[in-house]
Amino acid sequence: MTQISISKATRSLSMLIREAAAGERVVLTAGRRKIPAAELVAIKPKVTKRLGVIETPGFRLPADFFEPFPNVE
């Protein structure tokens, strides 16, 4: 867990965001007593589900898709 004052956090915000994205707990403190005031939490990316090949960009059926299979013996 990382605890950092708000004034120091403004100078190193990008580093703190990387730590939070990596799963580290980042707590921002306020005042001389370093009272916890806020916590940086990473937002989990929204995963979109595809319905199938219809939703896949650039997907095309091959020309022989509907042709019957050859007889194999």
PDB file of N, CA and C in Angstrom:
ATOM      1  N   MET A   1       0.852  -1.179   0.000  1.00  0.00           N
ATOM      2  CA  MET A   1       0.000   0.000   0.000  1.00  0.00           C
ATOM      3  C   MET A   1       0.894   1.237   0.000  1.00  0.00           C
ATOM      4  N   THR A   2       0.556   2.167  -0.852  1.00  0.00           N
ATOM      5  CA  THR A   2       1.280   3.425  -0.946  1.00  0.00           C
ATOM      6  C   THR A   2       0.439   4.528  -0.336  1.00  0.00           C
ATOM      7  N   GLN A   3       1.031   5.282   0.600  1.00  0.00           N
ATOM      8  CA  GLN A   3       0.375   6.454   1.153  1.00  0.00           C
ATOM      9  C   GLN A   3       1.189   7.669   0.751  1.00  0.00           C
ATOM     10  N   ILE A   4       0.523   8.664   0.210  1.00  0.00           N
ATOM     11  CA  ILE A   4       1.213   9.858  -0.261  1.00  0.00           C
ATOM     12  C   ILE A   4       0.311  11.058  -0.028  1.00  0.00           C
ATOM     13  N   SER A   5       0.932  12.204   0.290  1.00  0.00           N
ATOM     14  CA  SER A   5       0.149  13.415   0.512  1.00  0.00           C
ATOM     15  C   SER A   5      -0.400  13.918  -0.813  1.00  0.00           C
ATOM     16  N   ILE A   6      -1.465  14.669  -0.712  1.00  0.00           N
ATOM     17  CA  ILE A   6      -2.113  15.179  -1.925  1.00  0.00           C
ATOM     18  C   ILE A   6      -1.168  16.102  -2.694  1.00  0.00           C
ATOM     19  N   SER A   7      -0.390  16.913  -2.001  1.00  0.00           N
ATOM     20  CA  SER A   7       0.526  17.834  -2.691  1.00  0.00           C
ATOM     21  C   SER A   7       1.609  17.068  -3.442  1.00  0.00           C
ATOM     22  N   LYS A   8       2.125  15.993  -2.874  1.00  0.00           N
ATOM     23  CA  LYS A   8       3.126  15.186  -3.574  1.00  0.00           C
ATOM     24  C   LYS A   8       2.485  14.370  -4.696  1.00  0.00           C
ATOM     25  N   ALA A   9       1.240  13.981  -4.512  1.00  0.00           N
ATOM     26  CA  ALA A   9       0.544  13.188  -5.522  1.00  0.00           C
ATOM     27  C   ALA A   9       0.315  13.983  -6.797  1.00  0.00           C
ATOM     28  N   THR A  10       0.136  15.287  -6.678  1.00  0.00           N
ATOM     29  CA  THR A  10      -0.072  16.101  -7.880  1.00  0.00           C
ATOM     30  C   THR A  10       1.180  16.120  -8.747  1.00  0.00           C
ATOM     31  N   ARG A  11       2.351  15.972  -8.139  1.00  0.00           N
ATOM     32  CA  ARG A  11       3.606  15.980  -8.896  1.00  0.00           C
ATOM     33  C   ARG A  11       3.906  14.633  -9.533  1.00  0.00           C
ATOM     34  N   SER A  12       3.365  13.562  -8.966  1.00  0.00           N
ATOM     35  CA  SER A  12       3.684  12.219  -9.473  1.00  0.00           C
ATOM     36  C   SER A  12       2.419  11.421  -9.787  1.00  0.00           C
ATOM     37  N   LEU A  13       1.450  12.094 -10.356  1.00  0.00           N
ATOM     38  CA  LEU A  13       0.158  11.458 -10.609  1.00  0.00           C
ATOM     39  C   LEU A  13       0.257  10.302 -11.600  1.00  0.00           C
ATOM     40  N   SER A  14       1.011  10.454 -12.671  1.00  0.00           N
ATOM     41  CA  SER A  14       1.099   9.388 -13.666  1.00  0.00           C
ATOM     42  C   SER A  14       1.719   8.123 -13.065  1.00  0.00           C
ATOM     43  N   MET A  15       2.717   8.274 -12.200  1.00  0.00           N
ATOM     44  CA  MET A  15       3.323   7.118 -11.540  1.00  0.00           C
ATOM     45  C   MET A  15       2.312   6.427 -10.621  1.00  0.00           C
ATOM     46  N   LEU A  16       1.533   7.223  -9.905  1.00  0.00           N
ATOM     47  CA  LEU A  16       0.532   6.654  -8.996  1.00  0.00           C
ATOM     48  C   LEU A  16      -0.569   5.936  -9.761  1.00  0.00           C
ATOM     49  N   ILE A  17      -0.938   6.462 -10.914  1.00  0.00           N
ATOM     50  CA  ILE A  17      -1.952   5.806 -11.733  1.00  0.00           C
ATOM     51  C   ILE A  17      -1.437   4.464 -12.241  1.00  0.00           C
ATOM     52  N   ARG A  18      -0.170   4.408 -12.646  1.00  0.00           N
ATOM     53  CA  ARG A  18       0.419   3.128 -13.075  1.00  0.00           C
ATOM     54  C   ARG A  18       0.418   2.117 -11.934  1.00  0.00           C
ATOM     55  N   GLU A  19       0.734   2.569 -10.720  1.00  0.00           N
ATOM     56  CA  GLU A  19       0.718   1.670  -9.556  1.00  0.00           C
ATOM     57  C   GLU A  19      -0.691   1.148  -9.299  1.00  0.00           C
ATOM     58  N   ALA A  20      -1.685   2.037  -9.368  1.00  0.00           N
ATOM     59  CA  ALA A  20      -3.069   1.619  -9.140  1.00  0.00           C
ATOM     60  C   ALA A  20      -3.526   0.644 -10.222  1.00  0.00           C
ATOM     61  N   ALA A  21      -3.118   0.883 -11.464  1.00  0.00           N
ATOM     62  CA  ALA A  21      -3.494  -0.009 -12.556  1.00  0.00           C
ATOM     63  C   ALA A  21      -2.860  -1.383 -12.393  1.00  0.00           C
ATOM     64  N   ALA A  22      -1.704  -1.430 -11.727  1.00  0.00           N
ATOM     65  CA  ALA A  22      -1.028  -2.706 -11.488  1.00  0.00           C
ATOM     66  C   ALA A  22      -1.606  -3.446 -10.284  1.00  0.00           C
ATOM     67  N   GLY A  23      -2.585  -2.844  -9.607  1.00  0.00           N
ATOM     68  CA  GLY A  23      -3.228  -3.512  -8.483  1.00  0.00           C
ATOM     69  C   GLY A  23      -2.776  -3.016  -7.121  1.00  0.00           C
ATOM     70  N   GLU A  24      -1.872  -2.067  -7.097  1.00  0.00           N
ATOM     71  CA  GLU A  24      -1.384  -1.504  -5.837  1.00  0.00           C
ATOM     72  C   GLU A  24      -2.445  -0.579  -5.249  1.00  0.00           C
ATOM     73  N   ARG A  25      -2.567  -0.585  -3.934  1.00  0.00           N
ATOM     74  CA  ARG A  25      -3.506   0.310  -3.262  1.00  0.00           C
ATOM     75  C   ARG A  25      -2.795   1.637  -3.026  1.00  0.00           C
ATOM     76  N   VAL A  26      -3.376   2.725  -3.496  1.00  0.00           N
ATOM     77  CA  VAL A  26      -2.784   4.056  -3.369  1.00  0.00           C
ATOM     78  C   VAL A  26      -3.745   4.927  -2.573  1.00  0.00           C
ATOM     79  N   VAL A  27      -3.283   5.397  -1.397  1.00  0.00           N
ATOM     80  CA  VAL A  27      -4.107   6.220  -0.519  1.00  0.00           C
ATOM     81  C   VAL A  27      -3.530   7.625  -0.487  1.00  0.00           C
ATOM     82  N   LEU A  28      -4.367   8.621  -0.731  1.00  0.00           N
ATOM     83  CA  LEU A  28      -3.960  10.016  -0.665  1.00  0.00           C
ATOM     84  C   LEU A  28      -4.289  10.551   0.721  1.00  0.00           C
ATOM     85  N   THR A  29      -3.320  11.207   1.340  1.00  0.00           N
ATOM     86  CA  THR A  29      -3.509  11.723   2.688  1.00  0.00           C
ATOM     87  C   THR A  29      -3.563  13.238   2.662  1.00  0.00           C
ATOM     88  N   ALA A  30      -4.211  13.817   3.682  1.00  0.00           N
ATOM     89  CA  ALA A  30      -4.372  15.262   3.749  1.00  0.00           C
ATOM     90  C   ALA A  30      -3.931  15.774   5.116  1.00  0.00           C
ATOM     91  N   GLY A  31      -3.413  16.979   5.116  1.00  0.00           N
ATOM     92  CA  GLY A  31      -3.055  17.653   6.354  1.00  0.00           C
ATOM     93  C   GLY A  31      -1.757  17.157   6.972  1.00  0.00           C
ATOM     94  N   ARG A  32      -1.386  17.796   8.064  1.00  0.00           N
ATOM     95  CA  ARG A  32      -0.152  17.431   8.772  1.00  0.00           C
ATOM     96  C   ARG A  32      -0.255  16.073   9.433  1.00  0.00           C
ATOM     97  N   ARG A  33      -1.455  15.709   9.793  1.00  0.00           N
ATOM     98  CA  ARG A  33      -1.651  14.414  10.470  1.00  0.00           C
ATOM     99  C   ARG A  33      -1.728  13.251   9.496  1.00  0.00           C
ATOM    100  N   LYS A  34      -1.678  13.577   8.208  1.00  0.00           N
ATOM    101  CA  LYS A  34      -1.736  12.572   7.146  1.00  0.00           C
ATOM    102  C   LYS A  34      -2.970  11.677   7.276  1.00  0.00           C
ATOM    103  N   ILE A  35      -4.105  12.318   7.369  1.00  0.00           N
ATOM    104  CA  ILE A  35      -5.382  11.617   7.470  1.00  0.00           C
ATOM    105  C   ILE A  35      -5.764  11.117   6.078  1.00  0.00           C
ATOM    106  N   PRO A  36      -6.097   9.816   5.933  1.00  0.00           N
ATOM    107  CA  PRO A  36      -6.508   9.303   4.617  1.00  0.00           C
ATOM    108  C   PRO A  36      -7.726  10.066   4.098  1.00  0.00           C
ATOM    109  N   ALA A  37      -7.607  10.586   2.879  1.00  0.00           N
ATOM    110  CA  ALA A  37      -8.675  11.392   2.304  1.00  0.00           C
ATOM    111  C   ALA A  37      -9.295  10.750   1.076  1.00  0.00           C
ATOM    112  N   ALA A  38      -8.491  10.024   0.309  1.00  0.00           N
ATOM    113  CA  ALA A  38      -9.002   9.419  -0.924  1.00  0.00           C
ATOM    114  C   ALA A  38      -8.143   8.220  -1.277  1.00  0.00           C
ATOM    115  N   GLU A  39      -8.684   7.411  -2.169  1.00  0.00           N
ATOM    116  CA  GLU A  39      -7.955   6.231  -2.626  1.00  0.00           C
ATOM    117  C   GLU A  39      -8.052   6.163  -4.147  1.00  0.00           C
ATOM    118  N   LEU A  40      -6.913   5.893  -4.799  1.00  0.00           N
ATOM    119  CA  LEU A  40      -6.905   5.696  -6.245  1.00  0.00           C
ATOM    120  C   LEU A  40      -7.205   4.240  -6.540  1.00  0.00           C
ATOM    121  N   VAL A  41      -8.188   4.020  -7.385  1.00  0.00           N
ATOM    122  CA  VAL A  41      -8.590   2.658  -7.735  1.00  0.00           C
ATOM    123  C   VAL A  41      -8.624   2.563  -9.251  1.00  0.00           C
ATOM    124  N   ALA A  42      -8.042   1.503  -9.789  1.00  0.00           N
ATOM    125  CA  ALA A  42      -8.037   1.301 -11.232  1.00  0.00           C
ATOM    126  C   ALA A  42      -9.428   0.899 -11.706  1.00  0.00           C
ATOM    127  N   ILE A  43      -9.795   1.383 -12.873  1.00  0.00           N
ATOM    128  CA  ILE A  43     -11.065   1.012 -13.488  1.00  0.00           C
ATOM    129  C   ILE A  43     -10.809  -0.189 -14.375  1.00  0.00           C
ATOM    130  N   LYS A  44     -11.584  -1.220 -14.187  1.00  0.00           N
ATOM    131  CA  LYS A  44     -11.432  -2.411 -15.018  1.00  0.00           C
ATOM    132  C   LYS A  44     -12.029  -2.146 -16.390  1.00  0.00           C
ATOM    133  N   PRO A  45     -11.296  -2.497 -17.450  1.00  0.00           N
ATOM    134  CA  PRO A  45     -11.828  -2.239 -18.789  1.00  0.00           C
ATOM    135  C   PRO A  45     -13.093  -3.042 -19.055  1.00  0.00           C
ATOM    136  N   LYS A  46     -14.017  -2.421 -19.744  1.00  0.00           N
ATOM    137  CA  LYS A  46     -15.266  -3.083 -20.083  1.00  0.00           C
ATOM    138  C   LYS A  46     -15.014  -4.075 -21.207  1.00  0.00           C
ATOM    139  N   VAL A  47     -15.362  -5.314 -20.977  1.00  0.00           N
ATOM    140  CA  VAL A  47     -15.163  -6.358 -21.977  1.00  0.00           C
ATOM    141  C   VAL A  47     -16.461  -6.524 -22.755  1.00  0.00           C
ATOM    142  N   THR A  48     -16.366  -6.358 -24.050  1.00  0.00           N
ATOM    143  CA  THR A  48     -17.549  -6.539 -24.883  1.00  0.00           C
ATOM    144  C   THR A  48     -17.527  -7.945 -25.467  1.00  0.00           C
ATOM    145  N   LYS A  49     -18.650  -8.581 -25.422  1.00  0.00           N
ATOM    146  CA  LYS A  49     -18.765  -9.927 -25.969  1.00  0.00           C
ATOM    147  C   LYS A  49     -19.278  -9.848 -27.396  1.00  0.00           C
ATOM    148  N   ARG A  50     -18.721 -10.673 -28.216  1.00  0.00           N
ATOM    149  CA  ARG A  50     -19.182 -10.741 -29.601  1.00  0.00           C
ATOM    150  C   ARG A  50     -20.247 -11.825 -29.712  1.00  0.00           C
ATOM    151  N   LEU A  51     -21.172 -11.606 -30.605  1.00  0.00           N
ATOM    152  CA  LEU A  51     -22.246 -12.564 -30.795  1.00  0.00           C
ATOM    153  C   LEU A  51     -21.848 -13.698 -31.723  1.00  0.00           C
ATOM    154  N   GLY A  52     -20.773 -13.562 -32.412  1.00  0.00           N
ATOM    155  CA  GLY A  52     -20.325 -14.590 -33.342  1.00  0.00           C
ATOM    156  C   GLY A  52     -19.541 -13.968 -34.468  1.00  0.00           C
ATOM    157  N   VAL A  53     -19.405 -14.704 -35.552  1.00  0.00           N
ATOM    158  CA  VAL A  53     -18.602 -14.210 -36.661  1.00  0.00           C
ATOM    159  C   VAL A  53     -19.236 -13.022 -37.364  1.00  0.00           C
ATOM    160  N   ILE A  54     -20.535 -12.848 -37.208  1.00  0.00           N
ATOM    161  CA  ILE A  54     -21.212 -11.728 -37.850  1.00  0.00           C
ATOM    162  C   ILE A  54     -20.676 -10.403 -37.311  1.00  0.00           C
ATOM    163  N   GLU A  55     -20.348 -10.368 -36.023  1.00  0.00           N
ATOM    164  CA  GLU A  55     -19.873  -9.145 -35.391  1.00  0.00           C
ATOM    165  C   GLU A  55     -18.367  -8.942 -35.539  1.00  0.00           C
ATOM    166  N   THR A  56     -17.650  -9.913 -36.099  1.00  0.00           N
ATOM    167  CA  THR A  56     -16.203  -9.797 -36.239  1.00  0.00           C
ATOM    168  C   THR A  56     -15.881  -8.965 -37.473  1.00  0.00           C
ATOM    169  N   PRO A  57     -15.191  -7.837 -37.294  1.00  0.00           N
ATOM    170  CA  PRO A  57     -14.870  -6.998 -38.450  1.00  0.00           C
ATOM    171  C   PRO A  57     -13.941  -7.722 -39.417  1.00  0.00           C
ATOM    172  N   GLY A  58     -14.228  -7.598 -40.700  1.00  0.00           N
ATOM    173  CA  GLY A  58     -13.370  -8.170 -41.720  1.00  0.00           C
ATOM    174  C   GLY A  58     -13.584  -9.645 -41.987  1.00  0.00           C
ATOM    175  N   PHE A  59     -14.531 -10.290 -41.315  1.00  0.00           N
ATOM    176  CA  PHE A  59     -14.753 -11.719 -41.533  1.00  0.00           C
ATOM    177  C   PHE A  59     -15.555 -11.929 -42.805  1.00  0.00           C
ATOM    178  N   ARG A  60     -15.100 -12.868 -43.640  1.00  0.00           N
ATOM    179  CA  ARG A  60     -15.821 -13.224 -44.872  1.00  0.00           C
ATOM    180  C   ARG A  60     -15.821 -14.737 -45.021  1.00  0.00           C
ATOM    181  N   LEU A  61     -16.928 -15.256 -45.501  1.00  0.00           N
ATOM    182  CA  LEU A  61     -17.007 -16.692 -45.763  1.00  0.00           C
ATOM    183  C   LEU A  61     -16.220 -17.015 -47.024  1.00  0.00           C
ATOM    184  N   PRO A  62     -15.508 -18.136 -47.037  1.00  0.00           N
ATOM    185  CA  PRO A  62     -14.808 -18.520 -48.266  1.00  0.00           C
ATOM    186  C   PRO A  62     -15.806 -18.847 -49.370  1.00  0.00           C
ATOM    187  N   ALA A  63     -15.369 -18.755 -50.612  1.00  0.00           N
ATOM    188  CA  ALA A  63     -16.247 -18.979 -51.764  1.00  0.00           C
ATOM    189  C   ALA A  63     -16.804 -20.393 -51.788  1.00  0.00           C
ATOM    190  N   ASP A  64     -16.056 -21.383 -51.309  1.00  0.00           N
ATOM    191  CA  ASP A  64     -16.509 -22.782 -51.344  1.00  0.00           C
ATOM    192  C   ASP A  64     -17.178 -23.219 -50.036  1.00  0.00           C
ATOM    193  N   PHE A  65     -17.642 -22.292 -49.245  1.00  0.00           N
ATOM    194  CA  PHE A  65     -18.223 -22.634 -47.945  1.00  0.00           C
ATOM    195  C   PHE A  65     -19.460 -23.528 -48.070  1.00  0.00           C
ATOM    196  N   PHE A  66     -20.315 -23.266 -49.054  1.00  0.00           N
ATOM    197  CA  PHE A  66     -21.557 -24.023 -49.199  1.00  0.00           C
ATOM    198  C   PHE A  66     -21.423 -25.235 -50.114  1.00  0.00           C
ATOM    199  N   GLU A  67     -20.233 -25.491 -50.618  1.00  0.00           N
ATOM    200  CA  GLU A  67     -20.003 -26.663 -51.466  1.00  0.00           C
ATOM    201  C   GLU A  67     -20.011 -27.930 -50.600  1.00  0.00           C
ATOM    202  N   PRO A  68     -20.515 -29.052 -51.127  1.00  0.00           N
ATOM    203  CA  PRO A  68     -20.519 -30.300 -50.353  1.00  0.00           C
ATOM    204  C   PRO A  68     -19.080 -30.809 -50.147  1.00  0.00           C
ATOM    205  N   PHE A  69     -18.910 -31.565 -49.084  1.00  0.00           N
ATOM    206  CA  PHE A  69     -17.613 -32.161 -48.790  1.00  0.00           C
ATOM    207  C   PHE A  69     -17.301 -33.251 -49.834  1.00  0.00           C
ATOM    208  N   PRO A  70     -16.055 -33.436 -50.182  1.00  0.00           N
ATOM    209  CA  PRO A  70     -15.710 -34.517 -51.117  1.00  0.00           C
ATOM    210  C   PRO A  70     -15.862 -35.864 -50.428  1.00  0.00           C
ATOM    211  N   ASN A  71     -16.201 -36.891 -51.215  1.00  0.00           N
ATOM    212  CA  ASN A  71     -16.327 -38.234 -50.644  1.00  0.00           C
ATOM    213  C   ASN A  71     -14.933 -38.774 -50.366  1.00  0.00           C
ATOM    214  N   VAL A  72     -14.700 -39.155 -49.152  1.00  0.00           N
ATOM    215  CA  VAL A  72     -13.398 -39.677 -48.758  1.00  0.00           C
ATOM    216  C   VAL A  72     -13.610 -41.121 -48.311  1.00  0.00           C
ATOM    217  N   GLU A  73     -12.863 -42.030 -48.917  1.00  0.00           N
ATOM    218  CA  GLU A  73     -12.997 -43.432 -48.535  1.00  0.00           C
ATOM    219  C   GLU A  73     -11.685 -44.014 -48.109  1.00  0.00           C
TER     220      GLU A  73
END
